[in-house]
């Protein structure tokens, strides 16, 4: 009965409906994400932050090893390239 009164008040209101009023009338929770409810589910990668951390760690490790290798080979490279 309360929903009927709210619908009547909203219908008689001179201004256009706002989104909250429309969601209440349709009995859709206000926190529902409209994009997810209308379209296909978004692609999700589980534990994405750990993949990013692993890539950063791997990149740092390769950089560290590469710098060490260049430091060891520096005298030979200087002779080779003059």
C-alpha atoms as a PDB file:
ATOM      1  CA  UNK A   1       0.000   0.000   0.000  1.00  0.00           C
ATOM      2  CA  UNK A   2       2.879   2.315   0.794  1.00  0.00           C
ATOM      3  CA  UNK A   3       4.315   1.776  -2.716  1.00  0.00           C
ATOM      4  CA  UNK A   4       1.028   2.898  -4.249  1.00  0.00           C
ATOM      5  CA  UNK A   5       1.129   6.145  -2.268  1.00  0.00           C
ATOM      6  CA  UNK A   6       4.744   6.784  -3.290  1.00  0.00           C
ATOM      7  CA  UNK A   7       3.914   6.084  -6.935  1.00  0.00           C
ATOM      8  CA  UNK A   8       0.965   8.479  -6.792  1.00  0.00           C
ATOM      9  CA  UNK A   9       3.076  11.202  -5.189  1.00  0.00           C
ATOM     10  CA  UNK A  10       5.776  10.737  -7.826  1.00  0.00           C
ATOM     11  CA  UNK A  11       3.240  10.724 -10.662  1.00  0.00           C
ATOM     12  CA  UNK A  12       1.667  13.981  -9.455  1.00  0.00           C
ATOM     13  CA  UNK A  13       5.009  15.708  -8.887  1.00  0.00           C
ATOM     14  CA  UNK A  14       5.462  18.583 -11.378  1.00  0.00           C
ATOM     15  CA  UNK A  15       9.176  17.908 -11.928  1.00  0.00           C
ATOM     16  CA  UNK A  16      10.464  14.887 -13.873  1.00  0.00           C
ATOM     17  CA  UNK A  17      11.385  11.775 -11.913  1.00  0.00           C
ATOM     18  CA  UNK A  18      14.828  11.435 -10.517  1.00  0.00           C
ATOM     19  CA  UNK A  19      16.731   8.149 -10.734  1.00  0.00           C
ATOM     20  CA  UNK A  20      16.183   7.245  -7.091  1.00  0.00           C
ATOM     21  CA  UNK A  21      12.399   7.530  -7.434  1.00  0.00           C
ATOM     22  CA  UNK A  22      12.402   5.397 -10.593  1.00  0.00           C
ATOM     23  CA  UNK A  23      14.513   2.714  -8.910  1.00  0.00           C
ATOM     24  CA  UNK A  24      12.186   2.635  -5.904  1.00  0.00           C
ATOM     25  CA  UNK A  25       9.149   2.301  -8.169  1.00  0.00           C
ATOM     26  CA  UNK A  26      10.772  -0.540 -10.112  1.00  0.00           C
ATOM     27  CA  UNK A  27      11.855  -2.220  -6.857  1.00  0.00           C
ATOM     28  CA  UNK A  28      15.490  -2.304  -7.998  1.00  0.00           C
ATOM     29  CA  UNK A  29      18.026  -1.757  -5.213  1.00  0.00           C
ATOM     30  CA  UNK A  30      19.552   1.727  -5.396  1.00  0.00           C
ATOM     31  CA  UNK A  31      23.057   0.252  -5.129  1.00  0.00           C
ATOM     32  CA  UNK A  32      22.607  -1.979  -8.187  1.00  0.00           C
ATOM     33  CA  UNK A  33      25.046  -1.194 -10.951  1.00  0.00           C
ATOM     34  CA  UNK A  34      23.012  -0.333 -14.014  1.00  0.00           C
ATOM     35  CA  UNK A  35      25.764  -1.209 -16.502  1.00  0.00           C
ATOM     36  CA  UNK A  36      26.279  -4.697 -15.099  1.00  0.00           C
ATOM     37  CA  UNK A  37      22.580  -5.420 -14.896  1.00  0.00           C
ATOM     38  CA  UNK A  38      21.905  -4.469 -18.533  1.00  0.00           C
ATOM     39  CA  UNK A  39      25.030  -5.653 -20.360  1.00  0.00           C
ATOM     40  CA  UNK A  40      27.295  -8.680 -20.338  1.00  0.00           C
ATOM     41  CA  UNK A  41      29.536  -9.260 -17.363  1.00  0.00           C
ATOM     42  CA  UNK A  42      32.889  -7.506 -17.539  1.00  0.00           C
ATOM     43  CA  UNK A  43      36.081  -9.494 -17.998  1.00  0.00           C
ATOM     44  CA  UNK A  44      37.789  -9.951 -14.640  1.00  0.00           C
ATOM     45  CA  UNK A  45      41.323 -11.077 -13.836  1.00  0.00           C
ATOM     46  CA  UNK A  46      41.620 -12.707 -10.455  1.00  0.00           C
ATOM     47  CA  UNK A  47      44.486 -11.492  -8.247  1.00  0.00           C
ATOM     48  CA  UNK A  48      45.495  -8.827 -10.772  1.00  0.00           C
ATOM     49  CA  UNK A  49      47.550  -6.864  -8.238  1.00  0.00           C
ATOM     50  CA  UNK A  50      49.718  -9.926  -7.561  1.00  0.00           C
ATOM     51  CA  UNK A  51      50.380 -10.375 -11.275  1.00  0.00           C
ATOM     52  CA  UNK A  52      51.424  -6.736 -11.467  1.00  0.00           C
ATOM     53  CA  UNK A  53      53.685  -7.124  -8.408  1.00  0.00           C
ATOM     54  CA  UNK A  54      55.254 -10.260  -9.918  1.00  0.00           C
ATOM     55  CA  UNK A  55      55.933  -8.441 -13.207  1.00  0.00           C
ATOM     56  CA  UNK A  56      57.528  -5.521 -11.366  1.00  0.00           C
ATOM     57  CA  UNK A  57      59.688  -7.907  -9.325  1.00  0.00           C
ATOM     58  CA  UNK A  58      60.707  -9.820 -12.458  1.00  0.00           C
ATOM     59  CA  UNK A  59      61.599  -6.596 -14.276  1.00  0.00           C
ATOM     60  CA  UNK A  60      63.660  -5.354 -11.339  1.00  0.00           C
ATOM     61  CA  UNK A  61      65.480  -8.692 -11.109  1.00  0.00           C
ATOM     62  CA  UNK A  62      66.314  -8.734 -14.817  1.00  0.00           C
ATOM     63  CA  UNK A  63      67.544  -5.130 -14.595  1.00  0.00           C
ATOM     64  CA  UNK A  64      69.758  -5.984 -11.589  1.00  0.00           C
ATOM     65  CA  UNK A  65      71.279  -9.042 -13.330  1.00  0.00           C
ATOM     66  CA  UNK A  66      71.780  -7.090 -16.565  1.00  0.00           C
ATOM     67  CA  UNK A  67      73.636  -4.279 -14.799  1.00  0.00           C
ATOM     68  CA  UNK A  68      75.887  -6.796 -13.071  1.00  0.00           C
ATOM     69  CA  UNK A  69      76.656  -8.509 -16.364  1.00  0.00           C
ATOM     70  CA  UNK A  70      77.487  -5.224 -18.086  1.00  0.00           C
ATOM     71  CA  UNK A  71      79.741  -4.226 -15.175  1.00  0.00           C
ATOM     72  CA  UNK A  72      81.674  -7.496 -15.506  1.00  0.00           C
ATOM     73  CA  UNK A  73      81.914  -7.239 -19.305  1.00  0.00           C
ATOM     74  CA  UNK A  74      82.773  -3.498 -19.379  1.00  0.00           C
ATOM     75  CA  UNK A  75      86.553  -3.941 -19.874  1.00  0.00           C
ATOM     76  CA  UNK A  76      86.037  -6.429 -22.713  1.00  0.00           C
ATOM     77  CA  UNK A  77      83.410  -4.221 -24.375  1.00  0.00           C
ATOM     78  CA  UNK A  78      85.696  -1.162 -24.170  1.00  0.00           C
ATOM     79  CA  UNK A  79      88.434  -3.048 -25.989  1.00  0.00           C
ATOM     80  CA  UNK A  80      85.966  -4.416 -28.562  1.00  0.00           C
ATOM     81  CA  UNK A  81      84.298  -1.092 -29.437  1.00  0.00           C
ATOM     82  CA  UNK A  82      87.301   1.146 -28.711  1.00  0.00           C
END
